[in-house]
Amino acid sequence: MTLNDTAVADPRDRDDAPARAPRKGGVWRFLRDVLIILLAAIIISFLIKTFLIRSFYIPSPSMEDTLDVNDRIIVNELQPSAFPLQRGDVVVFKDPGGWLPPTPPVDTNPVAGFFDWLLSIVGLTAPDSNDHLIKRVIGLPGDHVTCCNAFGQISVNGSPLDEPYVKLPTGITAVSKDSFDVTVPKNSLWVMGDNRYDSADSRYNRDKPGKGFVPMDDVVGRAILITWPIDRWTWLDDYPLTFADVGKPGAKGTEPAPTPSPTPTTTTTSGG
């Protein structure tokens, strides 16, 4: 063996060397680290849910075919608190008052209820989805929204809308069963469901205290993504081309005189 090949003996390799004692408290330190990681993850998830994003599920068909019943969506909570909403955005909002029927209390298994609450903290479940509504923004504060023109279209500030996202009954061309002519108040929205003949939206809540308008303060955020089921994973479009020609509130436009919409051949019940 040459000098460069000389091995250095390790006393632990000797047969008569004492066995190395395990580190004391190793298991406890491991469990402590796991607990700290879990708590940090919960706190971060809670902060994300509170200030950034939330998950909701869709309980009604009022936004078909954009959203199906039981779809799960991600909502960006930075809108409208940090970034303004745009016409065409799909928004989740709290009931402004009387839009939803009273929900009877449901008996829940205490264990299941605890885990549902725990998962809701980190945004993995949405037990309050039935207390919220989801619609598309058609009118912003100051907008003059009317329906329907001679072609059955909605007009905003004098500009008729071509709405490719709207679902209508077979044989119906008017995008609303009932005519309306409104000006959106300050800090409010005029919203409508995409499933126009099965959506209890701003049109059908004009007898409520808010006269059908949604206060900005009631908006939870903008729906941006379908997360479940997997085969429906997609970003939600706000259709900027539909509203590209809409002028600012108060702008003069060449708006056709409102005419009664055609009588529908199919009667449906407005949904939530």
Protein backbone atom coordinates (compact mmCIF):
# COMPACT_ATOMS: atom_id res chain seq x y z
CA MET A 1 0.00 0.00 0.00
CA THR A 2 1.44 3.38 -0.95
CA LEU A 3 1.44 6.43 1.27
CA ASN A 4 -1.46 7.92 -0.66
CA ASP A 5 -3.52 4.77 -0.11
CA THR A 6 -3.10 4.74 3.64
CA ALA A 7 -6.51 4.36 5.34
CA VAL A 8 -7.37 6.11 8.58
CA ALA A 9 -8.90 3.78 11.08
CA ASP A 10 -12.22 4.75 12.65
CA PRO A 11 -12.51 3.59 16.27
CA ARG A 12 -16.24 2.97 15.66
CA ASP A 13 -15.25 0.16 13.25
CA ARG A 14 -13.63 -1.83 16.05
CA ASP A 15 -15.56 -4.81 17.27
CA ASP A 16 -14.96 -3.83 20.86
CA ALA A 17 -16.14 -0.17 20.33
CA PRO A 18 -19.23 0.73 22.37
CA ALA A 19 -22.49 1.06 20.38
CA ARG A 20 -23.46 4.66 19.62
CA ALA A 21 -26.33 5.72 21.83
CA PRO A 22 -29.41 7.06 20.08
CA ARG A 23 -30.01 10.78 20.35
CA LYS A 24 -32.37 11.59 23.17
CA GLY A 25 -35.59 13.37 22.21
CA GLY A 26 -35.25 12.58 18.49
CA VAL A 27 -38.85 11.38 18.15
CA TRP A 28 -40.19 14.40 20.01
CA ARG A 29 -38.20 16.81 17.82
CA PHE A 30 -39.54 15.10 14.71
CA LEU A 31 -43.14 15.37 15.91
CA ARG A 32 -42.57 18.97 16.93
CA ASP A 33 -41.24 19.84 13.47
CA VAL A 34 -44.21 18.15 11.79
CA LEU A 35 -46.62 20.06 14.03
CA ILE A 36 -44.91 23.37 13.28
CA ILE A 37 -45.08 22.67 9.53
CA LEU A 38 -48.79 21.79 9.75
CA LEU A 39 -49.60 24.89 11.80
CA ALA A 40 -47.65 27.09 9.39
CA ALA A 41 -49.49 25.55 6.44
CA ILE A 42 -52.88 26.14 8.12
CA ILE A 43 -52.02 29.75 8.97
CA ILE A 44 -50.77 30.46 5.44
CA SER A 45 -53.84 28.80 3.92
CA PHE A 46 -56.12 30.79 6.23
CA LEU A 47 -54.45 34.05 5.20
CA ILE A 48 -54.68 33.10 1.52
CA LYS A 49 -58.37 32.25 1.91
CA THR A 50 -59.10 35.43 3.86
CA PHE A 51 -57.29 37.88 1.61
CA LEU A 52 -56.51 36.22 -1.73
CA ILE A 53 -58.64 33.30 -2.95
CA ARG A 54 -61.55 31.10 -1.88
CA SER A 55 -63.19 27.97 -3.17
CA PHE A 56 -66.94 27.71 -3.84
CA TYR A 57 -69.20 25.12 -5.38
CA ILE A 58 -72.10 25.85 -7.72
CA PRO A 59 -75.48 24.75 -6.28
CA SER A 60 -77.84 25.92 -9.07
CA PRO A 61 -78.11 25.93 -12.89
CA SER A 62 -78.43 29.74 -13.17
CA MET A 63 -74.98 30.11 -14.81
CA GLU A 64 -75.24 27.24 -17.31
CA ASP A 65 -73.58 26.53 -19.66
CA THR A 66 -70.66 28.49 -18.24
CA LEU A 67 -70.94 26.74 -14.86
CA ASP A 68 -72.66 23.44 -14.14
CA VAL A 69 -74.25 22.34 -10.88
CA ASN A 70 -71.58 21.06 -8.43
CA ASP A 71 -68.69 22.69 -10.30
CA ARG A 72 -66.02 23.97 -7.94
CA ILE A 73 -64.49 27.34 -8.64
CA ILE A 74 -61.69 29.56 -7.37
CA VAL A 75 -62.60 33.16 -6.52
CA ASN A 76 -60.08 36.00 -6.56
CA GLU A 77 -60.83 38.08 -3.46
CA LEU A 78 -58.58 40.95 -4.58
CA GLN A 79 -61.45 42.08 -6.81
CA PRO A 80 -63.03 44.52 -6.20
CA SER A 81 -61.10 45.38 -3.00
CA ALA A 82 -57.75 45.95 -4.75
CA PHE A 83 -58.59 45.81 -8.47
CA PRO A 84 -61.77 47.11 -10.15
CA LEU A 85 -64.35 44.81 -11.67
CA GLN A 86 -65.12 44.87 -15.38
CA ARG A 87 -68.30 44.24 -17.32
CA GLY A 88 -68.44 40.55 -18.13
CA ASP A 89 -66.73 39.41 -14.92
CA VAL A 90 -68.36 36.50 -13.10
CA VAL A 91 -68.70 37.46 -9.45
CA VAL A 92 -69.65 35.75 -6.19
CA PHE A 93 -71.56 37.90 -3.73
CA LYS A 94 -73.47 37.66 -0.48
CA ASP A 95 -77.24 37.79 -0.62
CA PRO A 96 -78.07 41.53 -0.79
CA GLY A 97 -81.30 40.80 1.03
CA GLY A 98 -84.18 38.55 0.06
CA TRP A 99 -82.66 37.11 -3.11
CA LEU A 100 -82.40 33.63 -1.58
CA PRO A 101 -85.19 31.79 0.20
CA PRO A 102 -84.68 31.03 3.90
CA THR A 103 -82.56 27.92 4.38
CA PRO A 104 -83.80 25.55 7.09
CA PRO A 105 -81.14 24.38 9.55
CA VAL A 106 -79.58 21.04 8.70
CA ASP A 107 -78.56 18.53 11.37
CA THR A 108 -74.88 17.71 10.92
CA ASN A 109 -72.81 14.97 12.46
CA PRO A 110 -70.54 16.77 14.98
CA VAL A 111 -67.41 14.98 13.74
CA ALA A 112 -68.19 15.66 10.08
CA GLY A 113 -69.10 19.23 10.95
CA PHE A 114 -65.76 19.74 12.71
CA PHE A 115 -63.74 18.48 9.75
CA ASP A 116 -65.89 20.53 7.34
CA TRP A 117 -65.18 23.62 9.45
CA LEU A 118 -61.48 22.76 9.63
CA LEU A 119 -61.21 22.31 5.86
CA SER A 120 -63.18 25.50 5.28
CA ILE A 121 -60.50 27.43 7.18
CA VAL A 122 -57.93 26.50 4.56
CA GLY A 123 -60.38 26.95 1.70
CA LEU A 124 -60.76 23.28 0.76
CA THR A 125 -64.51 23.28 1.38
CA ALA A 126 -67.18 25.96 1.10
CA PRO A 127 -69.98 25.25 3.58
CA ASP A 128 -71.44 28.71 3.00
CA SER A 129 -71.83 28.36 -0.79
CA ASN A 130 -75.61 28.21 -0.39
CA ASP A 131 -75.52 31.65 1.27
CA HIS A 132 -73.92 33.27 -1.79
CA LEU A 133 -74.89 33.87 -5.40
CA ILE A 134 -72.88 33.91 -8.61
CA LYS A 135 -73.77 36.01 -11.67
CA ARG A 136 -72.15 37.93 -14.52
CA VAL A 137 -71.61 41.68 -14.27
CA ILE A 138 -73.58 43.47 -17.00
CA GLY A 139 -73.71 47.01 -15.63
CA LEU A 140 -71.16 49.01 -13.61
CA PRO A 141 -71.94 52.11 -11.52
CA GLY A 142 -73.54 54.77 -13.71
CA ASP A 143 -74.30 52.42 -16.62
CA HIS A 144 -77.65 52.68 -18.39
CA VAL A 145 -78.81 49.09 -19.04
CA THR A 146 -81.89 48.34 -21.14
CA CYS A 147 -83.57 45.32 -22.70
CA CYS A 148 -84.64 44.41 -25.15
CA ASN A 149 -84.03 46.06 -28.53
CA ALA A 150 -85.64 44.95 -31.79
CA PHE A 151 -83.16 42.07 -32.00
CA GLY A 152 -83.78 40.90 -28.43
CA GLN A 153 -80.44 42.26 -27.17
CA ILE A 154 -79.39 44.06 -24.02
CA SER A 155 -77.88 47.52 -24.52
CA VAL A 156 -75.41 49.19 -22.18
CA ASN A 157 -74.97 52.95 -22.58
CA GLY A 158 -76.54 52.68 -26.01
CA SER A 159 -74.37 49.81 -27.27
CA PRO A 160 -76.15 46.49 -27.97
CA LEU A 161 -74.39 43.40 -26.66
CA ASP A 162 -73.64 40.22 -28.59
CA GLU A 163 -73.56 37.70 -25.72
CA PRO A 164 -72.13 34.32 -26.81
CA TYR A 165 -72.24 32.96 -23.24
CA VAL A 166 -76.03 33.19 -22.89
CA LYS A 167 -78.15 30.03 -22.70
CA LEU A 168 -81.69 30.40 -24.07
CA PRO A 169 -84.62 28.01 -24.48
CA THR A 170 -85.09 26.46 -27.90
CA GLY A 171 -86.77 28.88 -30.28
CA ILE A 172 -86.19 31.96 -28.10
CA THR A 173 -83.94 34.80 -29.28
CA ALA A 174 -84.60 37.54 -26.72
CA VAL A 175 -81.94 37.43 -24.00
CA SER A 176 -84.48 38.33 -21.31
CA LYS A 177 -88.07 37.26 -20.79
CA ASP A 178 -88.90 40.65 -19.26
CA SER A 179 -87.96 44.14 -20.42
CA PHE A 180 -86.16 46.59 -18.12
CA ASP A 181 -84.59 50.02 -18.19
CA VAL A 182 -82.27 50.86 -15.28
CA THR A 183 -79.36 53.07 -14.35
CA VAL A 184 -76.89 51.44 -11.97
CA PRO A 185 -76.37 53.45 -8.76
CA LYS A 186 -73.01 54.40 -7.29
CA ASN A 187 -71.03 51.52 -5.72
CA SER A 188 -73.44 48.93 -7.15
CA LEU A 189 -73.69 46.35 -9.94
CA TRP A 190 -76.37 45.03 -12.28
CA VAL A 191 -75.86 41.27 -12.59
CA MET A 192 -77.48 38.52 -14.62
CA GLY A 193 -77.16 34.76 -14.89
CA ASP A 194 -75.98 33.23 -18.17
CA ASN A 195 -78.96 30.84 -18.10
CA ARG A 196 -81.27 33.77 -18.74
CA TYR A 197 -84.62 32.01 -18.44
CA ASP A 198 -83.62 30.19 -15.23
CA SER A 199 -81.88 32.84 -13.13
CA ALA A 200 -83.36 34.94 -10.31
CA ASP A 201 -80.93 37.81 -10.85
CA SER A 202 -81.13 41.62 -10.78
CA ARG A 203 -84.18 41.61 -13.07
CA TYR A 204 -86.33 39.68 -10.63
CA ASN A 205 -85.27 41.34 -7.38
CA ARG A 206 -86.29 44.91 -8.21
CA ASP A 207 -89.01 44.68 -5.56
CA LYS A 208 -86.39 44.09 -2.84
CA PRO A 209 -84.84 46.91 -0.76
CA GLY A 210 -81.81 47.11 -3.06
CA LYS A 211 -84.06 47.30 -6.16
CA GLY A 212 -82.10 44.48 -7.80
CA PHE A 213 -78.67 46.09 -7.56
CA VAL A 214 -75.75 44.39 -5.80
CA PRO A 215 -73.69 46.62 -3.47
CA MET A 216 -69.95 46.42 -4.10
CA ASP A 217 -69.48 45.70 -0.38
CA ASP A 218 -71.39 42.42 -0.83
CA VAL A 219 -69.06 41.14 -3.56
CA VAL A 220 -66.72 38.40 -2.28
CA GLY A 221 -64.63 38.33 -5.43
CA ARG A 222 -64.33 37.43 -9.09
CA ALA A 223 -64.60 33.78 -10.16
CA ILE A 224 -61.53 32.98 -12.23
CA LEU A 225 -61.17 29.20 -12.53
CA ILE A 226 -63.15 25.95 -12.57
CA THR A 227 -61.13 23.46 -10.53
CA TRP A 228 -63.49 20.47 -10.40
CA PRO A 229 -64.36 18.20 -12.08
CA ILE A 230 -61.00 17.79 -13.75
CA ASP A 231 -62.43 17.52 -17.26
CA ARG A 232 -64.00 20.99 -16.84
CA TRP A 233 -60.80 22.70 -15.66
CA THR A 234 -60.73 26.08 -17.39
CA TRP A 235 -60.24 29.82 -16.85
CA LEU A 236 -63.48 31.80 -16.81
CA ASP A 237 -63.70 34.33 -19.64
CA ASP A 238 -64.99 37.88 -19.12
CA TYR A 239 -65.66 38.30 -22.88
CA PRO A 240 -64.01 41.70 -23.39
CA LEU A 241 -65.09 41.81 -27.05
CA THR A 242 -68.74 41.70 -25.99
CA PHE A 243 -68.31 44.95 -24.05
CA ALA A 244 -65.61 46.56 -26.20
CA ASP A 245 -67.96 49.12 -27.76
CA VAL A 246 -69.68 50.09 -24.52
CA GLY A 247 -68.97 53.73 -23.76
CA LYS A 248 -68.45 55.29 -20.38
CA PRO A 249 -71.51 55.88 -18.18
CA GLY A 250 -73.45 58.84 -19.44
CA ALA A 251 -71.98 58.64 -22.94
CA LYS A 252 -74.41 59.29 -25.76
CA GLY A 253 -75.15 56.33 -27.97
CA THR A 254 -77.46 55.32 -30.75
CA GLU A 255 -79.72 53.08 -28.75
CA PRO A 256 -82.76 51.63 -30.48
CA ALA A 257 -86.06 52.30 -28.76
CA PRO A 258 -86.95 49.48 -26.36
CA THR A 259 -89.52 47.06 -27.73
CA PRO A 260 -91.33 44.25 -25.94
CA SER A 261 -89.47 40.99 -26.12
CA PRO A 262 -91.09 38.11 -28.00
CA THR A 263 -93.35 35.94 -25.91
CA PRO A 264 -91.39 32.82 -24.99
CA THR A 265 -92.69 29.47 -26.12
CA THR A 266 -91.21 27.74 -23.10
CA THR A 267 -91.92 28.68 -19.49
CA THR A 268 -89.26 28.01 -16.91
CA THR A 269 -88.86 28.87 -13.27
CA SER A 270 -86.17 31.35 -12.31
CA GLY A 271 -83.36 29.75 -10.34
CA GLY A 272 -80.93 31.14 -7.84
